[in-house]
Amino acid sequence: MAAHNRKQQLHRQWRFIYLALFSLFLSIVLAIVLMLDNEPMNARGIFYQPLNRDSQVSTSEWQQLMKQTADITGAEDIVVQWNQYGDATFGGQNGWFTNSLEIFQQAGFGIWLGLYSDPDYFKSVHAPANIQNQYLSRYFAELFENYQVWTSWIGNNQDYIRGVYIPAELSDYDFDTITKREVLNSHLARLQKTITESMMISVYFSGKMSPEQTHQWINSIEDLGIKVMVQDGRGTQLLDNSMWQKYAQALPCKVAVIREIFIVEKGEPFSAQKMNKSDFYSIFEQSNCHDNYLFSLRYLPFEQNPLRLVD
């Protein structure tokens, strides 16, 4: 009888110990989850917008900028916005531009190579559906022609190439009807079938569509096999903070977010300045489930940033 009671007592003790250990295990798991959810943001990548004035940047200046960028932002990839802007080719595949791309690679960065950018894109794309379709046909033909020119270079640098970036910035302002969005998707689908590498494109919101509608539109582009990035509009201030939050909450985690680190100045022509250092560093205290890309190298508030804002 005493042995039986002793056995029951030991059983209760072991059950108590088991429950205590199980509770401790759950507490540890919960703490880890909370810690990860609140982990400071690292940038997955950062944009670089080539301009002719950058031809004056020396190799050592590029190298120092790459080191600072990696150390401070945690970025792994550089999204080159374009390899040609209108007639500006930046020296082509044997000039200062490709030399800078080699420096990016040597610093360990992957590269999304932007294709041809039309200086008249924003003026031309905002048009009635039939005229817009005609423009897109011409522009997408130019994109493919540019891609063909760079195919050999891409192949020779395949280890560092993440894919190609399409510099056409999409918006609910320009593609404000289902018909326009369907026509756009048909152009994107045809281009995607002719390009071997992964494709990426960006979208920005002007408030012409609801968050739910923009979510559906983005999903339709992602379904084509194209990676979508959404501009947060903090620099351009197209949306106020509360409106942006509504759109941001509707974004699935697979969609990347472009964090604008510049401030647009009022007036024409376009002019922007770097945000102050405290605002810049506060970005990294924020957490979300998205891949985050900074825009751009030129606006990094480093004292020795060699990329000039003006000529």
Foldseek 3Di string as FASTA:
>chain_A
DVVVVVVVVVVVVVVVVVVVVVVVVVVVVVVVVVCVQQAFDAAQAFEDEDDLVCLPQDLVLLLVLLVVCCVQRVYAAYEYLECEEVPDNQQPCPGSVVVSVVSNVVSRHAYAYEYYHYPCLVVQLQDPQVSNLVVLVVVLVRRVVRCVSCVVVCVVVVVRYQYYEYNREAECNRQVDPSNLVSVLVSVLVSVVVGPHAYEYEYEYLPSDFLVVVQVSLVSNVVSRHAYEYELCPAVCSDDPVRSVRNVVSHDQSHAYEYEQWHWDDDDDTAIAGDDPVVVSVNRSDGDSHNYYYYHSLRDPDPSSPNDRDD
